[in-house]
Every structure is written in C-alpha cells, then in structure tokens.
Amino acid sequence: MWARIILPEPVGLLDYAVPAALADEIHPGVPVRVPLGRRHSRGYVTEVGATPPAGLTLRDVEAVDSELPELPPTLLAVLLFAADYYLAPPGELLTCALPPLVRRGAVRYRLTEAGRQRAATEPREPLLEL
C-alpha cells in the first residue's frame, strides 16, 4: 500500500509506502509524519493506492500525527484543483490554507487550571488607560 502526501513545503506531492501497522488508519485527509531528506515533516494524505508506482523506492510513512486535525475532503479537493489550475506547488497552498495554530513552528498557549481559577475569582483590571 502507498500514499500520496501533500507537505507544507515548496515541493509537489510525494509518494510514501504505508506500513502494514498503519494501513487501517491511512485515508485522504489524515495528518501524517514522514521523512523528508535528512529531517522529518508533517503532511496530509491526498490519495491512497494498493500498488505503488512502478520503478520507485518509497520511504515509509512514520506515523499518523494525532496533534493535527484531519482535513475535510472538500478542502483537499480545492487545494489540489488550485495547485493544478494556477501551476502552484501544492505545499505552498496548503500552508496558506492551514490556520496559524496548525502551521509548523506555531506557538500554542493554553489556560492552566490555576489560570482559570484566578480568572474566575479576581476581577479584571484594564490593561490600558486613555
């Protein structure tokens, strides 16, 4: 089994082998982690096939990335259509389509339980004065 992956990189779609252990979890829109050169990247499955393209040696998908949300099929279809229509790298369109919190290197903040309690008990004071 193989999967075609769109990465938030200025490259085209890349093909990867799907290990048997991940075969049940891989379908279009699923976020995955894959090797890319000497480093690793996160991307989304756009297509799955039973027989890999002939004459290629494919690297394995490393894992399903549970930190990222799945992409809806309609968004994938629009991204791939736009990449083809505008002759743009699909990865660059993916980067534009993803919300900032999903993009690579984004910082995420969460309110801790202590912060929730403090917000509930202490009145808010204005941060700026005019």
N, C-alpha and C. Protein backbone atom coordinates (compact mmCIF):
# COMPACT_ATOMS: atom_id res chain seq x y z
N MET A 1 0.85 -1.18 0.00
CA MET A 1 0.00 0.00 0.00
C MET A 1 0.89 1.24 0.00
N TRP A 2 0.45 2.29 -0.68
CA TRP A 2 1.20 3.54 -0.73
C TRP A 2 0.24 4.71 -0.56
N ALA A 3 0.81 5.88 -0.23
CA ALA A 3 0.01 7.09 -0.04
C ALA A 3 0.72 8.27 -0.69
N ARG A 4 -0.05 9.14 -1.29
CA ARG A 4 0.47 10.39 -1.83
C ARG A 4 0.24 11.45 -0.77
N ILE A 5 1.30 12.20 -0.46
CA ILE A 5 1.27 13.14 0.67
C ILE A 5 1.51 14.56 0.18
N ILE A 6 0.75 15.50 0.73
CA ILE A 6 0.99 16.93 0.50
C ILE A 6 1.66 17.47 1.76
N LEU A 7 2.80 18.11 1.56
CA LEU A 7 3.58 18.66 2.68
C LEU A 7 3.57 20.18 2.61
N PRO A 8 3.61 20.87 3.75
CA PRO A 8 3.67 22.34 3.72
C PRO A 8 5.08 22.82 3.37
N GLU A 9 5.54 22.40 2.22
CA GLU A 9 6.87 22.71 1.71
C GLU A 9 6.70 23.12 0.25
N PRO A 10 7.66 23.84 -0.31
CA PRO A 10 7.54 24.22 -1.72
C PRO A 10 7.93 23.07 -2.66
N VAL A 11 7.27 21.93 -2.49
CA VAL A 11 7.51 20.76 -3.33
C VAL A 11 6.17 20.25 -3.83
N GLY A 12 6.21 19.33 -4.75
CA GLY A 12 4.98 18.71 -5.24
C GLY A 12 4.48 17.65 -4.28
N LEU A 13 3.57 16.84 -4.74
CA LEU A 13 3.07 15.73 -3.95
C LEU A 13 4.12 14.63 -3.94
N LEU A 14 4.31 13.99 -2.80
CA LEU A 14 5.31 12.94 -2.67
C LEU A 14 4.64 11.62 -2.30
N ASP A 15 5.20 10.53 -2.81
CA ASP A 15 4.65 9.20 -2.54
C ASP A 15 5.46 8.51 -1.46
N TYR A 16 4.75 7.82 -0.56
CA TYR A 16 5.37 7.08 0.55
C TYR A 16 4.70 5.73 0.68
N ALA A 17 5.47 4.74 1.14
CA ALA A 17 4.91 3.42 1.43
C ALA A 17 4.19 3.49 2.77
N VAL A 18 3.10 2.75 2.88
CA VAL A 18 2.35 2.70 4.13
C VAL A 18 2.64 1.37 4.80
N PRO A 19 3.25 1.40 6.00
CA PRO A 19 3.50 0.15 6.72
C PRO A 19 2.18 -0.55 7.05
N ALA A 20 2.22 -1.86 7.15
CA ALA A 20 1.01 -2.64 7.43
C ALA A 20 0.35 -2.20 8.74
N ALA A 21 1.15 -1.79 9.72
CA ALA A 21 0.60 -1.38 11.01
C ALA A 21 -0.26 -0.12 10.90
N LEU A 22 -0.03 0.70 9.89
CA LEU A 22 -0.78 1.95 9.73
C LEU A 22 -1.86 1.87 8.66
N ALA A 23 -1.97 0.75 7.97
CA ALA A 23 -2.85 0.65 6.81
C ALA A 23 -4.30 0.98 7.14
N ASP A 24 -4.79 0.61 8.30
CA ASP A 24 -6.19 0.87 8.65
C ASP A 24 -6.46 2.34 8.97
N GLU A 25 -5.42 3.09 9.33
CA GLU A 25 -5.60 4.48 9.74
C GLU A 25 -5.40 5.48 8.60
N ILE A 26 -4.80 5.05 7.51
CA ILE A 26 -4.44 5.96 6.42
C ILE A 26 -5.58 6.08 5.41
N HIS A 27 -6.05 7.32 5.23
CA HIS A 27 -7.04 7.65 4.20
C HIS A 27 -6.89 9.14 3.89
N PRO A 28 -7.44 9.62 2.78
CA PRO A 28 -7.28 11.03 2.42
C PRO A 28 -7.74 11.97 3.54
N GLY A 29 -6.90 12.97 3.82
CA GLY A 29 -7.18 13.96 4.85
C GLY A 29 -6.51 13.68 6.17
N VAL A 30 -5.92 12.50 6.35
CA VAL A 30 -5.28 12.15 7.61
C VAL A 30 -3.90 12.82 7.70
N PRO A 31 -3.58 13.45 8.84
CA PRO A 31 -2.25 14.04 9.01
C PRO A 31 -1.23 12.94 9.35
N VAL A 32 -0.05 13.05 8.75
CA VAL A 32 1.00 12.06 8.96
C VAL A 32 2.36 12.73 9.16
N ARG A 33 3.28 11.97 9.72
CA ARG A 33 4.68 12.39 9.79
C ARG A 33 5.48 11.51 8.85
N VAL A 34 6.34 12.15 8.06
CA VAL A 34 7.12 11.43 7.05
C VAL A 34 8.56 11.95 7.04
N PRO A 35 9.50 11.10 6.60
CA PRO A 35 10.87 11.59 6.41
C PRO A 35 10.95 12.43 5.14
N LEU A 36 11.73 13.49 5.20
CA LEU A 36 11.94 14.35 4.05
C LEU A 36 13.41 14.73 4.05
N GLY A 37 14.18 14.06 3.20
CA GLY A 37 15.63 14.27 3.21
C GLY A 37 16.20 13.77 4.54
N ARG A 38 16.95 14.62 5.21
CA ARG A 38 17.54 14.26 6.50
C ARG A 38 16.68 14.66 7.68
N ARG A 39 15.54 15.26 7.41
CA ARG A 39 14.68 15.70 8.51
C ARG A 39 13.31 15.05 8.38
N HIS A 40 12.39 15.48 9.21
CA HIS A 40 11.03 14.94 9.20
C HIS A 40 10.06 16.08 8.95
N SER A 41 8.93 15.75 8.36
CA SER A 41 7.92 16.76 8.06
C SER A 41 6.55 16.20 8.36
N ARG A 42 5.59 17.11 8.50
CA ARG A 42 4.20 16.74 8.72
C ARG A 42 3.43 17.08 7.45
N GLY A 43 2.51 16.22 7.09
CA GLY A 43 1.72 16.47 5.90
C GLY A 43 0.38 15.79 5.98
N TYR A 44 -0.32 15.78 4.86
CA TYR A 44 -1.65 15.18 4.80
C TYR A 44 -1.73 14.22 3.62
N VAL A 45 -2.42 13.12 3.83
CA VAL A 45 -2.64 12.12 2.79
C VAL A 45 -3.67 12.69 1.80
N THR A 46 -3.34 12.63 0.51
CA THR A 46 -4.28 13.08 -0.52
C THR A 46 -4.86 11.92 -1.31
N GLU A 47 -4.14 10.81 -1.34
CA GLU A 47 -4.56 9.67 -2.16
C GLU A 47 -3.92 8.41 -1.59
N VAL A 48 -4.61 7.30 -1.71
CA VAL A 48 -4.11 6.01 -1.23
C VAL A 48 -4.29 5.01 -2.36
N GLY A 49 -3.30 4.14 -2.53
CA GLY A 49 -3.38 3.11 -3.56
C GLY A 49 -2.88 1.78 -3.06
N ALA A 50 -3.31 0.73 -3.71
CA ALA A 50 -2.90 -0.62 -3.31
C ALA A 50 -1.52 -0.97 -3.84
N THR A 51 -1.24 -0.59 -5.08
CA THR A 51 0.04 -0.92 -5.70
C THR A 51 0.84 0.35 -5.91
N PRO A 52 2.06 0.43 -5.37
CA PRO A 52 2.87 1.64 -5.55
C PRO A 52 3.28 1.83 -7.00
N PRO A 53 3.56 3.07 -7.39
CA PRO A 53 4.02 3.32 -8.76
C PRO A 53 5.26 2.49 -9.08
N ALA A 54 5.34 1.98 -10.29
CA ALA A 54 6.44 1.10 -10.69
C ALA A 54 7.75 1.87 -10.78
N GLY A 55 8.83 1.21 -10.41
CA GLY A 55 10.16 1.76 -10.56
C GLY A 55 10.58 2.74 -9.48
N LEU A 56 9.81 2.87 -8.42
CA LEU A 56 10.16 3.79 -7.34
C LEU A 56 10.46 3.04 -6.06
N THR A 57 11.43 3.52 -5.32
CA THR A 57 11.69 3.03 -3.98
C THR A 57 11.10 4.05 -3.02
N LEU A 58 10.10 3.64 -2.27
CA LEU A 58 9.39 4.58 -1.41
C LEU A 58 9.84 4.45 0.04
N ARG A 59 9.95 5.59 0.70
CA ARG A 59 10.20 5.60 2.14
C ARG A 59 8.87 5.43 2.85
N ASP A 60 8.92 4.96 4.10
CA ASP A 60 7.71 4.67 4.86
C ASP A 60 7.14 5.91 5.54
N VAL A 61 5.82 5.97 5.62
CA VAL A 61 5.14 6.92 6.48
C VAL A 61 5.53 6.52 7.91
N GLU A 62 5.94 7.50 8.73
CA GLU A 62 6.39 7.17 10.07
C GLU A 62 5.24 6.96 11.05
N ALA A 63 4.24 7.84 11.00
CA ALA A 63 3.15 7.75 11.96
C ALA A 63 2.00 8.65 11.53
N VAL A 64 0.84 8.36 12.07
CA VAL A 64 -0.29 9.28 11.96
C VAL A 64 -0.06 10.34 13.01
N ASP A 65 -0.20 11.61 12.63
CA ASP A 65 0.08 12.72 13.53
C ASP A 65 -1.21 13.13 14.25
N SER A 66 -1.34 12.67 15.49
CA SER A 66 -2.57 12.93 16.24
C SER A 66 -2.67 14.37 16.75
N GLU A 67 -1.61 15.16 16.62
CA GLU A 67 -1.64 16.55 17.08
C GLU A 67 -2.37 17.45 16.08
N LEU A 68 -2.45 17.05 14.83
CA LEU A 68 -3.08 17.87 13.80
C LEU A 68 -4.49 17.36 13.51
N PRO A 69 -5.41 18.25 13.14
CA PRO A 69 -6.75 17.80 12.77
C PRO A 69 -6.75 17.22 11.35
N GLU A 70 -7.74 16.41 11.06
CA GLU A 70 -7.91 15.91 9.70
C GLU A 70 -8.41 17.03 8.80
N LEU A 71 -8.06 16.97 7.51
CA LEU A 71 -8.57 17.93 6.54
C LEU A 71 -9.81 17.36 5.88
N PRO A 72 -10.84 18.18 5.72
CA PRO A 72 -12.03 17.69 5.03
C PRO A 72 -11.73 17.41 3.55
N PRO A 73 -12.40 16.44 2.96
CA PRO A 73 -12.16 16.12 1.54
C PRO A 73 -12.39 17.30 0.62
N THR A 74 -13.34 18.17 0.93
CA THR A 74 -13.60 19.33 0.07
C THR A 74 -12.41 20.29 0.06
N LEU A 75 -11.77 20.49 1.21
CA LEU A 75 -10.60 21.36 1.27
C LEU A 75 -9.45 20.77 0.48
N LEU A 76 -9.24 19.47 0.60
CA LEU A 76 -8.20 18.81 -0.19
C LEU A 76 -8.46 18.96 -1.68
N ALA A 77 -9.71 18.79 -2.09
CA ALA A 77 -10.05 18.91 -3.50
C ALA A 77 -9.79 20.32 -4.01
N VAL A 78 -10.13 21.33 -3.22
CA VAL A 78 -9.89 22.72 -3.63
C VAL A 78 -8.39 23.00 -3.73
N LEU A 79 -7.62 22.52 -2.76
CA LEU A 79 -6.16 22.73 -2.79
C LEU A 79 -5.54 22.11 -4.02
N LEU A 80 -5.92 20.89 -4.33
CA LEU A 80 -5.34 20.20 -5.48
C LEU A 80 -5.79 20.83 -6.79
N PHE A 81 -7.04 21.26 -6.84
CA PHE A 81 -7.52 21.94 -8.05
C PHE A 81 -6.76 23.25 -8.25
N ALA A 82 -6.62 24.05 -7.19
CA ALA A 82 -5.93 25.33 -7.29
C ALA A 82 -4.47 25.14 -7.67
N ALA A 83 -3.82 24.13 -7.13
CA ALA A 83 -2.42 23.86 -7.47
C ALA A 83 -2.28 23.54 -8.95
N ASP A 84 -3.20 22.76 -9.46
CA ASP A 84 -3.17 22.41 -10.88
C ASP A 84 -3.53 23.61 -11.76
N TYR A 85 -4.56 24.32 -11.40
CA TYR A 85 -5.05 25.44 -12.21
C TYR A 85 -4.04 26.58 -12.26
N TYR A 86 -3.45 26.92 -11.10
CA TYR A 86 -2.53 28.05 -11.03
C TYR A 86 -1.05 27.65 -11.17
N LEU A 87 -0.80 26.36 -11.40
CA LEU A 87 0.56 25.84 -11.52
C LEU A 87 1.41 26.23 -10.32
N ALA A 88 0.82 26.08 -9.14
CA ALA A 88 1.49 26.42 -7.89
C ALA A 88 1.84 25.14 -7.14
N PRO A 89 2.94 25.16 -6.36
CA PRO A 89 3.26 23.98 -5.55
C PRO A 89 2.13 23.72 -4.55
N PRO A 90 1.61 22.51 -4.49
CA PRO A 90 0.51 22.21 -3.57
C PRO A 90 0.86 22.51 -2.11
N GLY A 91 2.12 22.31 -1.74
CA GLY A 91 2.52 22.56 -0.37
C GLY A 91 2.40 24.01 0.04
N GLU A 92 2.66 24.92 -0.89
CA GLU A 92 2.51 26.33 -0.57
C GLU A 92 1.04 26.70 -0.38
N LEU A 93 0.17 26.10 -1.17
CA LEU A 93 -1.26 26.34 -0.99
C LEU A 93 -1.75 25.75 0.33
N LEU A 94 -1.20 24.60 0.70
CA LEU A 94 -1.55 24.00 1.99
C LEU A 94 -1.17 24.94 3.12
N THR A 95 0.02 25.52 3.05
CA THR A 95 0.47 26.45 4.08
C THR A 95 -0.48 27.63 4.20
N CYS A 96 -0.95 28.14 3.08
CA CYS A 96 -1.89 29.27 3.10
C CYS A 96 -3.24 28.87 3.66
N ALA A 97 -3.64 27.63 3.46
CA ALA A 97 -4.96 27.18 3.88
C ALA A 97 -5.04 26.79 5.35
N LEU A 98 -3.91 26.45 5.95
CA LEU A 98 -3.93 26.00 7.34
C LEU A 98 -4.04 27.17 8.30
N PRO A 99 -4.81 27.02 9.36
CA PRO A 99 -4.85 28.07 10.38
C PRO A 99 -3.47 28.20 11.04
N PRO A 100 -3.15 29.37 11.59
CA PRO A 100 -1.83 29.58 12.17
C PRO A 100 -1.45 28.56 13.24
N LEU A 101 -2.40 28.08 14.03
CA LEU A 101 -2.06 27.14 15.10
C LEU A 101 -1.66 25.77 14.59
N VAL A 102 -1.99 25.47 13.35
CA VAL A 102 -1.65 24.16 12.79
C VAL A 102 -0.33 24.21 12.03
N ARG A 103 0.06 25.39 11.59
CA ARG A 103 1.29 25.51 10.82
C ARG A 103 2.51 25.13 11.64
N ARG A 104 3.54 24.73 10.93
CA ARG A 104 4.79 24.32 11.55
C ARG A 104 5.39 25.48 12.33
N GLY A 105 5.82 25.21 13.56
CA GLY A 105 6.51 26.20 14.36
C GLY A 105 5.59 27.15 15.10
N ALA A 106 4.29 26.97 15.00
CA ALA A 106 3.37 27.86 15.69
C ALA A 106 3.42 27.59 17.19
N VAL A 107 3.28 28.64 17.97
CA VAL A 107 3.28 28.52 19.42
C VAL A 107 1.83 28.40 19.87
N ARG A 108 1.57 27.47 20.77
CA ARG A 108 0.22 27.27 21.29
C ARG A 108 0.20 27.60 22.77
N TYR A 109 -0.81 28.34 23.18
CA TYR A 109 -0.99 28.70 24.58
C TYR A 109 -2.29 28.09 25.08
N ARG A 110 -2.26 27.63 26.33
CA ARG A 110 -3.46 27.11 26.95
C ARG A 110 -3.57 27.71 28.34
N LEU A 111 -4.79 27.96 28.76
CA LEU A 111 -5.04 28.46 30.10
C LEU A 111 -4.97 27.28 31.06
N THR A 112 -4.11 27.37 32.07
CA THR A 112 -3.99 26.29 33.04
C THR A 112 -5.16 26.34 34.02
N GLU A 113 -5.29 25.31 34.82
CA GLU A 113 -6.35 25.28 35.83
C GLU A 113 -6.17 26.42 36.82
N ALA A 114 -4.93 26.70 37.22
CA ALA A 114 -4.67 27.83 38.12
C ALA A 114 -5.09 29.14 37.48
N GLY A 115 -4.86 29.28 36.20
CA GLY A 115 -5.27 30.47 35.48
C GLY A 115 -6.78 30.61 35.41
N ARG A 116 -7.48 29.49 35.22
CA ARG A 116 -8.95 29.52 35.19
C ARG A 116 -9.51 29.97 36.55
N GLN A 117 -8.93 29.43 37.61
CA GLN A 117 -9.40 29.79 38.95
C GLN A 117 -9.14 31.27 39.23
N ARG A 118 -7.99 31.74 38.86
CA ARG A 118 -7.66 33.15 39.09
C ARG A 118 -8.59 34.06 38.28
N ALA A 119 -8.87 33.69 37.05
CA ALA A 119 -9.76 34.49 36.21
C ALA A 119 -11.18 34.51 36.78
N ALA A 120 -11.59 33.42 37.42
CA ALA A 120 -12.93 33.35 37.97
C ALA A 120 -13.07 34.14 39.27
N THR A 121 -11.99 34.26 40.04
CA THR A 121 -12.09 34.89 41.35
C THR A 121 -11.64 36.34 41.38
N GLU A 122 -10.75 36.71 40.51
CA GLU A 122 -10.23 38.08 40.53
C GLU A 122 -10.90 38.92 39.45
N PRO A 123 -11.30 40.14 39.81
CA PRO A 123 -11.88 41.00 38.77
C PRO A 123 -10.83 41.41 37.76
N ARG A 124 -11.28 41.63 36.57
CA ARG A 124 -10.34 42.06 35.53
C ARG A 124 -10.03 43.55 35.67
N GLU A 125 -8.79 43.87 35.53
CA GLU A 125 -8.37 45.27 35.56
C GLU A 125 -7.99 45.68 34.15
N PRO A 126 -8.27 46.93 33.78
CA PRO A 126 -7.89 47.36 32.43
C PRO A 126 -6.37 47.36 32.25
N LEU A 127 -5.94 46.97 31.08
CA LEU A 127 -4.52 46.94 30.79
C LEU A 127 -4.03 48.29 30.28
N LEU A 128 -4.92 49.06 29.66
CA LEU A 128 -4.54 50.35 29.10
C LEU A 128 -5.45 51.44 29.65
N GLU A 129 -4.89 52.61 29.76
CA GLU A 129 -5.69 53.76 30.15
C GLU A 129 -5.61 54.79 29.06
N LEU A 130 -6.69 55.47 28.82
CA LEU A 130 -6.71 56.53 27.80
C LEU A 130 -6.56 57.88 28.46
